[in-house]
């Protein structure tokens, strides 16, 4: 009888240990496969490569977060072109180096040191998980100073893209 009880205790101990290992592996796999709900990405100067790095200087950061079907972005520019107004757009990367516009989500203005800040949000498709922002710099929008990308007659030149890198949410 004593031997039978001891074997039953050993089996219970082995069973509990095996269960703990299985649960531990399951939890680890769930954490390893989980996608972040917030992510900070660099914003690259003159990057028009659909959120993929081209190695140009960093001009700020974009802090992405997701709550359900809403993506929020906190943009912090630290060394962008000074005295400019940027149109902030949310994009999704697509296959083959292409991208799809989710929508324009606001504007951000830089001071004479190239610093600026803004918070934005947009509804998104629940199946989409990769996003980036483009800070599109137009011309001749911030008076009274004439801007470098304006022609002498005040006409605008082609807009300049400044993409963040892709955030997977």
N, C-alpha and C. Protein backbone atom coordinates (compact mmCIF):
# COMPACT_ATOMS: atom_id res chain seq x y z
N UNK A 1 0.82 -1.20 0.00
CA UNK A 1 0.00 0.00 0.00
C UNK A 1 0.86 1.26 0.00
N UNK A 2 1.91 1.28 0.81
CA UNK A 2 2.80 2.43 0.87
C UNK A 2 3.46 2.71 -0.46
N UNK A 3 3.85 1.61 -1.15
CA UNK A 3 4.51 1.77 -2.45
C UNK A 3 3.51 2.34 -3.46
N UNK A 4 2.26 1.90 -3.41
CA UNK A 4 1.23 2.36 -4.34
C UNK A 4 0.94 3.86 -4.13
N UNK A 5 0.85 4.31 -2.89
CA UNK A 5 0.61 5.71 -2.56
C UNK A 5 1.79 6.56 -3.04
N UNK A 6 3.02 6.05 -2.81
CA UNK A 6 4.19 6.80 -3.22
C UNK A 6 4.21 6.95 -4.75
N UNK A 7 3.87 5.92 -5.49
CA UNK A 7 3.84 5.98 -6.95
C UNK A 7 2.78 6.97 -7.43
N UNK A 8 1.64 6.97 -6.73
CA UNK A 8 0.58 7.90 -7.10
C UNK A 8 1.04 9.34 -6.87
N UNK A 9 1.74 9.60 -5.76
CA UNK A 9 2.28 10.93 -5.47
C UNK A 9 3.31 11.33 -6.53
N UNK A 10 4.16 10.39 -6.90
CA UNK A 10 5.16 10.67 -7.92
C UNK A 10 4.49 11.00 -9.26
N UNK A 11 3.47 10.22 -9.59
CA UNK A 11 2.75 10.48 -10.84
C UNK A 11 2.09 11.86 -10.81
N UNK A 12 1.51 12.21 -9.67
CA UNK A 12 0.87 13.52 -9.54
C UNK A 12 1.91 14.62 -9.70
N UNK A 13 3.08 14.46 -9.06
CA UNK A 13 4.14 15.45 -9.16
C UNK A 13 4.63 15.57 -10.61
N UNK A 14 4.82 14.45 -11.27
CA UNK A 14 5.27 14.44 -12.66
C UNK A 14 4.20 15.09 -13.54
N UNK A 15 2.94 14.75 -13.29
CA UNK A 15 1.83 15.32 -14.06
C UNK A 15 1.75 16.82 -13.90
N UNK A 16 1.89 17.31 -12.66
CA UNK A 16 1.85 18.76 -12.41
C UNK A 16 3.03 19.46 -13.07
N UNK A 17 4.19 18.83 -13.02
CA UNK A 17 5.38 19.41 -13.67
C UNK A 17 5.17 19.48 -15.17
N UNK A 18 4.64 18.41 -15.76
CA UNK A 18 4.39 18.39 -17.21
C UNK A 18 3.35 19.45 -17.58
N UNK A 19 2.32 19.59 -16.77
CA UNK A 19 1.30 20.59 -17.03
C UNK A 19 1.90 22.00 -16.98
N UNK A 20 2.74 22.25 -16.00
CA UNK A 20 3.38 23.56 -15.88
C UNK A 20 4.25 23.85 -17.10
N UNK A 21 4.97 22.85 -17.59
CA UNK A 21 5.81 23.03 -18.77
C UNK A 21 4.95 23.34 -19.99
N UNK A 22 3.87 22.59 -20.17
CA UNK A 22 2.97 22.82 -21.31
C UNK A 22 2.36 24.20 -21.25
N UNK A 23 1.87 24.60 -20.09
CA UNK A 23 1.29 25.93 -19.94
C UNK A 23 2.33 27.02 -20.16
N UNK A 24 3.52 26.80 -19.64
CA UNK A 24 4.61 27.77 -19.81
C UNK A 24 4.97 27.96 -21.27
N UNK A 25 5.06 26.87 -22.03
CA UNK A 25 5.37 26.95 -23.45
C UNK A 25 4.24 27.66 -24.18
N UNK A 26 3.00 27.36 -23.84
CA UNK A 26 1.86 28.02 -24.48
C UNK A 26 1.86 29.51 -24.24
N UNK A 27 2.12 29.92 -23.01
CA UNK A 27 2.17 31.34 -22.68
C UNK A 27 3.32 32.00 -23.42
N UNK A 28 4.49 31.36 -23.45
CA UNK A 28 5.65 31.92 -24.14
C UNK A 28 5.36 32.10 -25.61
N UNK A 29 4.72 31.10 -26.24
CA UNK A 29 4.40 31.20 -27.66
C UNK A 29 3.40 32.33 -27.90
N UNK A 30 2.45 32.50 -27.00
CA UNK A 30 1.48 33.59 -27.14
C UNK A 30 2.15 34.94 -27.05
N UNK A 31 3.09 35.10 -26.12
CA UNK A 31 3.81 36.36 -25.98
C UNK A 31 4.71 36.60 -27.19
N UNK A 32 5.42 35.55 -27.63
CA UNK A 32 6.33 35.69 -28.75
C UNK A 32 5.58 36.04 -30.03
N UNK A 33 4.37 35.54 -30.21
CA UNK A 33 3.61 35.79 -31.42
C UNK A 33 2.73 37.01 -31.35
N UNK A 34 2.65 37.65 -30.19
CA UNK A 34 1.76 38.80 -30.02
C UNK A 34 2.31 40.01 -30.76
N UNK A 35 1.43 40.83 -31.28
CA UNK A 35 1.80 42.05 -31.96
C UNK A 35 1.61 43.20 -30.99
N UNK A 36 2.58 44.10 -30.99
CA UNK A 36 2.53 45.24 -30.07
C UNK A 36 1.32 46.12 -30.36
N UNK A 37 0.78 46.73 -29.32
CA UNK A 37 -0.30 47.70 -29.51
C UNK A 37 0.24 49.12 -29.47
N UNK A 38 1.53 49.26 -29.23
CA UNK A 38 2.18 50.58 -29.34
C UNK A 38 3.60 50.39 -29.83
N UNK A 39 4.08 51.38 -30.57
CA UNK A 39 5.41 51.28 -31.17
C UNK A 39 5.89 52.67 -31.53
N UNK A 40 7.18 52.94 -31.33
CA UNK A 40 7.80 54.21 -31.72
C UNK A 40 8.68 53.97 -32.93
N UNK A 41 8.52 54.81 -33.94
CA UNK A 41 9.32 54.70 -35.17
C UNK A 41 9.94 56.05 -35.51
N UNK A 42 11.09 55.99 -36.18
CA UNK A 42 11.79 57.19 -36.65
C UNK A 42 11.04 57.80 -37.83
N UNK A 43 11.14 59.12 -37.95
CA UNK A 43 10.68 59.82 -39.14
C UNK A 43 11.93 60.25 -39.90
N UNK A 44 12.02 59.85 -41.17
CA UNK A 44 13.20 60.14 -41.97
C UNK A 44 12.95 61.31 -42.92
N UNK A 45 13.93 62.19 -42.99
CA UNK A 45 13.87 63.37 -43.86
C UNK A 45 13.88 62.95 -45.32
N UNK A 46 12.98 63.54 -46.11
CA UNK A 46 12.89 63.30 -47.56
C UNK A 46 12.73 61.83 -47.93
N UNK A 47 12.04 61.07 -47.09
CA UNK A 47 11.78 59.66 -47.38
C UNK A 47 10.40 59.55 -48.01
N UNK A 48 10.35 59.04 -49.23
CA UNK A 48 9.08 58.80 -49.93
C UNK A 48 9.03 57.34 -50.35
N UNK A 49 9.50 56.46 -49.47
CA UNK A 49 9.66 55.04 -49.79
C UNK A 49 8.63 54.17 -49.07
N UNK A 50 7.43 54.67 -48.90
CA UNK A 50 6.33 53.90 -48.28
C UNK A 50 6.69 53.30 -46.93
N UNK A 51 7.37 54.08 -46.11
CA UNK A 51 7.67 53.64 -44.75
C UNK A 51 8.89 52.75 -44.61
N UNK A 52 9.57 52.49 -45.70
CA UNK A 52 10.78 51.66 -45.66
C UNK A 52 11.99 52.58 -45.59
N UNK A 53 12.97 52.21 -44.79
CA UNK A 53 14.13 53.07 -44.56
C UNK A 53 14.94 53.31 -45.84
N UNK A 54 15.38 54.57 -45.99
CA UNK A 54 16.32 54.89 -47.06
C UNK A 54 17.61 55.46 -46.48
N UNK A 55 17.70 55.47 -45.14
CA UNK A 55 18.92 55.89 -44.48
C UNK A 55 19.13 57.38 -44.37
N UNK A 56 18.12 58.18 -44.65
CA UNK A 56 18.26 59.63 -44.52
C UNK A 56 18.19 60.01 -43.04
N UNK A 57 18.61 61.23 -42.70
CA UNK A 57 18.63 61.63 -41.28
C UNK A 57 17.24 61.58 -40.64
N UNK A 58 17.26 61.29 -39.35
CA UNK A 58 16.03 61.28 -38.56
C UNK A 58 15.67 62.70 -38.19
N UNK A 59 14.39 63.07 -38.39
CA UNK A 59 13.94 64.42 -38.03
C UNK A 59 12.95 64.41 -36.87
N UNK A 60 12.63 63.22 -36.36
CA UNK A 60 11.71 63.11 -35.24
C UNK A 60 11.23 61.69 -35.07
N UNK A 61 10.19 61.54 -34.26
CA UNK A 61 9.62 60.21 -34.00
C UNK A 61 8.10 60.25 -34.11
N UNK A 62 7.55 59.07 -34.37
CA UNK A 62 6.10 58.89 -34.39
C UNK A 62 5.79 57.76 -33.42
N UNK A 63 5.02 58.06 -32.38
CA UNK A 63 4.60 57.06 -31.39
C UNK A 63 3.21 56.58 -31.79
N UNK A 64 3.14 55.34 -32.26
CA UNK A 64 1.88 54.75 -32.71
C UNK A 64 1.25 53.96 -31.58
N UNK A 65 -0.07 53.98 -31.49
CA UNK A 65 -0.79 53.10 -30.56
C UNK A 65 -2.11 52.73 -31.22
N UNK A 66 -2.62 51.60 -30.79
CA UNK A 66 -3.88 51.11 -31.36
C UNK A 66 -4.81 50.71 -30.25
N UNK A 67 -6.07 51.13 -30.39
CA UNK A 67 -7.11 50.72 -29.47
C UNK A 67 -8.30 50.30 -30.34
N UNK A 68 -8.51 49.00 -30.47
CA UNK A 68 -9.57 48.50 -31.34
C UNK A 68 -9.28 48.84 -32.79
N UNK A 69 -10.20 49.56 -33.42
CA UNK A 69 -10.04 49.93 -34.82
C UNK A 69 -9.61 51.38 -34.99
N UNK A 70 -8.92 51.92 -33.98
CA UNK A 70 -8.41 53.28 -34.05
C UNK A 70 -6.90 53.28 -33.83
N UNK A 71 -6.18 53.92 -34.76
CA UNK A 71 -4.74 54.10 -34.60
C UNK A 71 -4.50 55.56 -34.24
N UNK A 72 -3.72 55.78 -33.18
CA UNK A 72 -3.34 57.12 -32.77
C UNK A 72 -1.84 57.29 -32.99
N UNK A 73 -1.44 58.51 -33.35
CA UNK A 73 -0.04 58.80 -33.61
C UNK A 73 0.31 60.10 -32.91
N UNK A 74 1.38 60.06 -32.12
CA UNK A 74 1.92 61.23 -31.45
C UNK A 74 3.23 61.57 -32.17
N UNK A 75 3.23 62.66 -32.93
CA UNK A 75 4.39 63.05 -33.74
C UNK A 75 5.20 64.09 -32.98
N UNK A 76 6.51 63.84 -32.89
CA UNK A 76 7.42 64.77 -32.23
C UNK A 76 8.57 65.07 -33.19
N UNK A 77 8.56 66.26 -33.78
CA UNK A 77 9.63 66.66 -34.68
C UNK A 77 10.69 67.41 -33.90
N UNK A 78 11.96 67.05 -34.13
CA UNK A 78 13.06 67.66 -33.39
C UNK A 78 14.04 68.39 -34.29
N UNK A 79 14.09 68.01 -35.57
CA UNK A 79 15.03 68.66 -36.49
C UNK A 79 14.50 68.66 -37.92
N UNK A 80 13.23 68.98 -38.05
CA UNK A 80 12.60 69.06 -39.38
C UNK A 80 12.93 70.42 -39.99
N UNK A 81 12.49 70.63 -41.22
CA UNK A 81 12.67 71.93 -41.84
C UNK A 81 11.94 72.98 -41.00
N UNK A 82 12.62 74.09 -40.69
CA UNK A 82 12.01 75.11 -39.82
C UNK A 82 10.92 75.93 -40.51
N UNK A 83 10.04 76.45 -39.69
CA UNK A 83 8.98 77.36 -40.15
C UNK A 83 8.17 76.78 -41.29
N UNK A 84 7.72 75.55 -41.12
CA UNK A 84 6.95 74.87 -42.16
C UNK A 84 5.65 74.33 -41.58
N UNK A 85 4.71 74.09 -42.46
CA UNK A 85 3.49 73.39 -42.11
C UNK A 85 3.51 72.08 -42.87
N UNK A 86 3.33 70.98 -42.15
CA UNK A 86 3.32 69.65 -42.73
C UNK A 86 1.91 69.09 -42.66
N UNK A 87 1.47 68.44 -43.72
CA UNK A 87 0.22 67.70 -43.71
C UNK A 87 0.55 66.29 -43.22
N UNK A 88 -0.14 65.85 -42.18
CA UNK A 88 0.12 64.53 -41.61
C UNK A 88 -0.86 63.53 -42.21
N UNK A 89 -0.32 62.48 -42.83
CA UNK A 89 -1.15 61.45 -43.45
C UNK A 89 -0.80 60.09 -42.88
N UNK A 90 -1.82 59.26 -42.70
CA UNK A 90 -1.62 57.88 -42.24
C UNK A 90 -1.70 56.97 -43.46
N UNK A 91 -0.72 56.07 -43.58
CA UNK A 91 -0.61 55.17 -44.73
C UNK A 91 -0.45 53.73 -44.27
N UNK A 92 -0.69 52.79 -45.19
CA UNK A 92 -0.41 51.37 -44.99
C UNK A 92 0.53 50.91 -46.10
N UNK A 93 1.59 50.16 -45.74
CA UNK A 93 2.45 49.61 -46.80
C UNK A 93 1.73 48.47 -47.51
N UNK A 94 2.02 48.30 -48.78
CA UNK A 94 1.45 47.23 -49.59
C UNK A 94 2.59 46.44 -50.24
N UNK A 95 2.24 45.31 -50.82
CA UNK A 95 3.22 44.47 -51.48
C UNK A 95 3.87 45.21 -52.65
N UNK A 96 5.10 44.81 -52.96
CA UNK A 96 5.79 45.37 -54.11
C UNK A 96 6.30 46.78 -53.91
N UNK A 97 6.42 47.24 -52.66
CA UNK A 97 6.94 48.57 -52.38
C UNK A 97 5.91 49.68 -52.55
N UNK A 98 4.65 49.32 -52.70
CA UNK A 98 3.59 50.31 -52.85
C UNK A 98 2.98 50.61 -51.48
N UNK A 99 2.10 51.61 -51.44
CA UNK A 99 1.42 51.94 -50.19
C UNK A 99 0.04 52.51 -50.50
N UNK A 100 -0.81 52.48 -49.47
CA UNK A 100 -2.20 52.93 -49.61
C UNK A 100 -2.50 53.98 -48.55
N UNK A 101 -3.06 55.09 -48.97
CA UNK A 101 -3.42 56.17 -48.06
C UNK A 101 -4.64 55.77 -47.24
N UNK A 102 -4.51 55.86 -45.91
CA UNK A 102 -5.66 55.67 -45.03
C UNK A 102 -6.42 56.98 -44.95
N UNK A 103 -5.67 58.09 -44.80
CA UNK A 103 -6.31 59.40 -44.78
C UNK A 103 -5.42 60.48 -44.21
N UNK A 104 -5.78 61.72 -44.52
CA UNK A 104 -5.13 62.87 -43.92
C UNK A 104 -5.65 63.01 -42.49
N UNK A 105 -4.74 63.18 -41.55
CA UNK A 105 -5.18 63.20 -40.15
C UNK A 105 -4.87 64.51 -39.43
N UNK A 106 -4.27 65.47 -40.14
CA UNK A 106 -4.02 66.75 -39.49
C UNK A 106 -2.84 67.50 -40.07
N UNK A 107 -2.42 68.53 -39.36
CA UNK A 107 -1.26 69.33 -39.73
C UNK A 107 -0.38 69.52 -38.52
N UNK A 108 0.90 69.75 -38.81
CA UNK A 108 1.85 70.08 -37.75
C UNK A 108 2.73 71.22 -38.26
N UNK A 109 3.00 72.15 -37.39
CA UNK A 109 3.80 73.32 -37.76
C UNK A 109 5.10 73.30 -36.98
N UNK A 110 6.21 73.60 -37.67
CA UNK A 110 7.50 73.65 -36.98
C UNK A 110 7.86 75.09 -36.66
N UNK A 111 8.65 75.24 -35.61
CA UNK A 111 9.14 76.57 -35.24
C UNK A 111 10.44 76.85 -35.99
N UNK A 112 11.11 77.95 -35.63
CA UNK A 112 12.33 78.31 -36.36
C UNK A 112 13.50 77.37 -36.07
N UNK A 113 13.35 76.45 -35.13
CA UNK A 113 14.38 75.44 -34.85
C UNK A 113 14.02 74.08 -35.46
N UNK A 114 12.88 73.99 -36.15
CA UNK A 114 12.47 72.72 -36.77
C UNK A 114 11.79 71.77 -35.81
N UNK A 115 11.27 72.32 -34.71
CA UNK A 115 10.58 71.49 -33.73
C UNK A 115 9.07 71.67 -33.84
N UNK A 116 8.35 70.58 -33.64
CA UNK A 116 6.90 70.63 -33.69
C UNK A 116 6.31 69.38 -33.07
N UNK A 117 5.05 69.44 -32.70
CA UNK A 117 4.41 68.31 -32.02
C UNK A 117 2.93 68.29 -32.35
N UNK A 118 2.39 67.10 -32.47
CA UNK A 118 0.96 66.96 -32.70
C UNK A 118 0.49 65.55 -32.42
N UNK A 119 -0.79 65.41 -32.05
CA UNK A 119 -1.40 64.10 -31.78
C UNK A 119 -2.59 63.94 -32.73
N UNK A 120 -2.69 62.75 -33.30
CA UNK A 120 -3.70 62.49 -34.32
C UNK A 120 -4.25 61.08 -34.15
N UNK A 121 -5.44 60.83 -34.70
CA UNK A 121 -5.99 59.47 -34.69
C UNK A 121 -6.87 59.28 -35.91
N UNK A 122 -7.05 58.00 -36.28
CA UNK A 122 -7.84 57.67 -37.45
C UNK A 122 -8.43 56.28 -37.30
N UNK A 123 -9.66 56.08 -37.77
CA UNK A 123 -10.21 54.71 -37.81
C UNK A 123 -9.45 53.92 -38.88
N UNK A 124 -9.26 52.61 -38.61
CA UNK A 124 -8.55 51.75 -39.55
C UNK A 124 -9.29 50.43 -39.71
N UNK A 125 -8.98 49.74 -40.78
CA UNK A 125 -9.53 48.42 -41.04
C UNK A 125 -9.04 47.46 -39.97
N UNK A 126 -9.91 46.67 -39.34
CA UNK A 126 -9.47 45.76 -38.28
C UNK A 126 -8.48 44.70 -38.75
N UNK A 127 -8.42 44.44 -40.06
CA UNK A 127 -7.49 43.44 -40.60
C UNK A 127 -6.11 44.02 -40.87
N UNK A 128 -5.97 45.34 -40.83
CA UNK A 128 -4.69 45.99 -41.12
C UNK A 128 -3.88 46.16 -39.84
N UNK A 129 -2.57 45.91 -39.95
CA UNK A 129 -1.72 45.99 -38.76
C UNK A 129 -0.44 46.78 -38.97
N UNK A 130 -0.13 47.16 -40.21
CA UNK A 130 1.09 47.91 -40.48
C UNK A 130 0.73 49.30 -40.96
N UNK A 131 1.37 50.31 -40.34
CA UNK A 131 1.07 51.70 -40.65
C UNK A 131 2.34 52.54 -40.60
N UNK A 132 2.30 53.66 -41.31
CA UNK A 132 3.34 54.67 -41.18
C UNK A 132 2.70 56.03 -41.43
N UNK A 133 3.37 57.08 -40.99
CA UNK A 133 2.88 58.43 -41.28
C UNK A 133 3.82 59.08 -42.28
N UNK A 134 3.23 59.94 -43.09
CA UNK A 134 4.00 60.78 -44.01
C UNK A 134 3.72 62.21 -43.61
N UNK A 135 4.76 62.97 -43.38
CA UNK A 135 4.62 64.39 -43.12
C UNK A 135 4.96 65.09 -44.42
N UNK A 136 3.93 65.49 -45.12
CA UNK A 136 4.05 66.07 -46.45
C UNK A 136 4.27 67.57 -46.31
N UNK A 137 5.45 68.01 -46.75
CA UNK A 137 5.79 69.42 -46.64
C UNK A 137 5.47 70.12 -47.95
N UNK A 138 4.50 71.02 -47.91
CA UNK A 138 4.17 71.82 -49.08
C UNK A 138 5.03 73.06 -49.09
N UNK A 139 4.61 74.05 -49.76
CA UNK A 139 5.39 75.28 -49.82
C UNK A 139 4.52 76.50 -49.60
N UNK A 140 5.15 77.59 -49.26
CA UNK A 140 4.51 78.91 -49.17
C UNK A 140 3.27 78.93 -48.29
N UNK A 141 3.28 78.22 -47.18
CA UNK A 141 2.09 78.20 -46.35
C UNK A 141 2.24 78.97 -45.06
N UNK A 142 3.45 79.16 -44.59
CA UNK A 142 3.62 79.83 -43.31
C UNK A 142 4.18 81.24 -43.54
N UNK A 143 3.33 82.21 -43.44
CA UNK A 143 3.75 83.60 -43.62
C UNK A 143 4.20 84.14 -42.25
N UNK A 144 4.94 85.18 -42.15
CA UNK A 144 5.31 86.10 -43.21
C UNK A 144 6.64 85.76 -43.87
N UNK A 145 7.41 84.77 -43.33
CA UNK A 145 8.71 84.47 -43.91
C UNK A 145 8.56 83.76 -45.25
N UNK A 146 9.34 84.16 -46.26
CA UNK A 146 9.33 83.37 -47.49
C UNK A 146 10.04 82.03 -47.22
N UNK A 147 9.51 80.98 -47.77
CA UNK A 147 10.07 79.66 -47.51
C UNK A 147 10.98 79.21 -48.64
N UNK A 148 11.92 78.34 -48.30
CA UNK A 148 12.94 77.91 -49.25
C UNK A 148 12.36 77.16 -50.45
N UNK A 149 11.24 76.46 -50.27
CA UNK A 149 10.71 75.70 -51.41
C UNK A 149 9.61 76.46 -52.15
N UNK A 150 9.64 77.79 -52.06
CA UNK A 150 8.71 78.63 -52.81
C UNK A 150 9.45 79.29 -53.96
N UNK A 151 8.77 79.41 -55.06
CA UNK A 151 9.33 80.13 -56.20
C UNK A 151 9.18 81.62 -55.95
N UNK A 152 9.98 82.45 -56.64
CA UNK A 152 9.92 83.91 -56.39
C UNK A 152 8.53 84.50 -56.50
N UNK A 153 7.67 83.94 -57.35
CA UNK A 153 6.33 84.49 -57.49
C UNK A 153 5.36 83.96 -56.43
N UNK A 154 5.87 83.15 -55.49
CA UNK A 154 5.05 82.63 -54.42
C UNK A 154 4.37 81.31 -54.74
N UNK A 155 4.59 80.80 -55.95
CA UNK A 155 3.99 79.52 -56.32
C UNK A 155 4.67 78.38 -55.56
N UNK A 156 3.92 77.34 -55.33
CA UNK A 156 4.46 76.19 -54.62
C UNK A 156 5.25 75.29 -55.57
N UNK A 157 6.26 74.65 -55.02
CA UNK A 157 6.96 73.61 -55.76
C UNK A 157 6.42 72.27 -55.27
N UNK A 158 6.89 71.18 -55.87
CA UNK A 158 6.38 69.85 -55.52
C UNK A 158 6.54 69.58 -54.03
N UNK A 159 5.54 68.96 -53.40
CA UNK A 159 5.63 68.62 -51.98
C UNK A 159 6.76 67.64 -51.71
N UNK A 160 7.26 67.66 -50.48
CA UNK A 160 8.35 66.78 -50.07
C UNK A 160 7.83 65.83 -49.00
N UNK A 161 8.07 64.52 -49.18
CA UNK A 161 7.64 63.50 -48.22
C UNK A 161 8.67 63.32 -47.11
N UNK A 162 8.19 63.00 -45.93
CA UNK A 162 9.03 62.66 -44.78
C UNK A 162 8.34 61.50 -44.07
N UNK A 163 8.64 60.26 -44.49
CA UNK A 163 7.96 59.09 -43.96
C UNK A 163 8.54 58.63 -42.62
N UNK A 164 7.65 58.15 -41.77
CA UNK A 164 8.11 57.38 -40.60
C UNK A 164 8.38 55.98 -41.10
N UNK A 165 9.06 55.20 -40.30
CA UNK A 165 9.21 53.79 -40.62
C UNK A 165 7.92 53.07 -40.23
N UNK A 166 7.75 51.86 -40.70
CA UNK A 166 6.51 51.12 -40.52
C UNK A 166 6.37 50.61 -39.09
N UNK A 167 5.21 50.84 -38.50
CA UNK A 167 4.88 50.32 -37.17
C UNK A 167 3.92 49.13 -37.34
N UNK A 168 4.23 48.04 -36.71
CA UNK A 168 3.36 46.87 -36.74
C UNK A 168 2.56 46.84 -35.45
N UNK A 169 1.26 47.07 -35.54
CA UNK A 169 0.39 47.15 -34.37
C UNK A 169 -0.61 46.01 -34.35
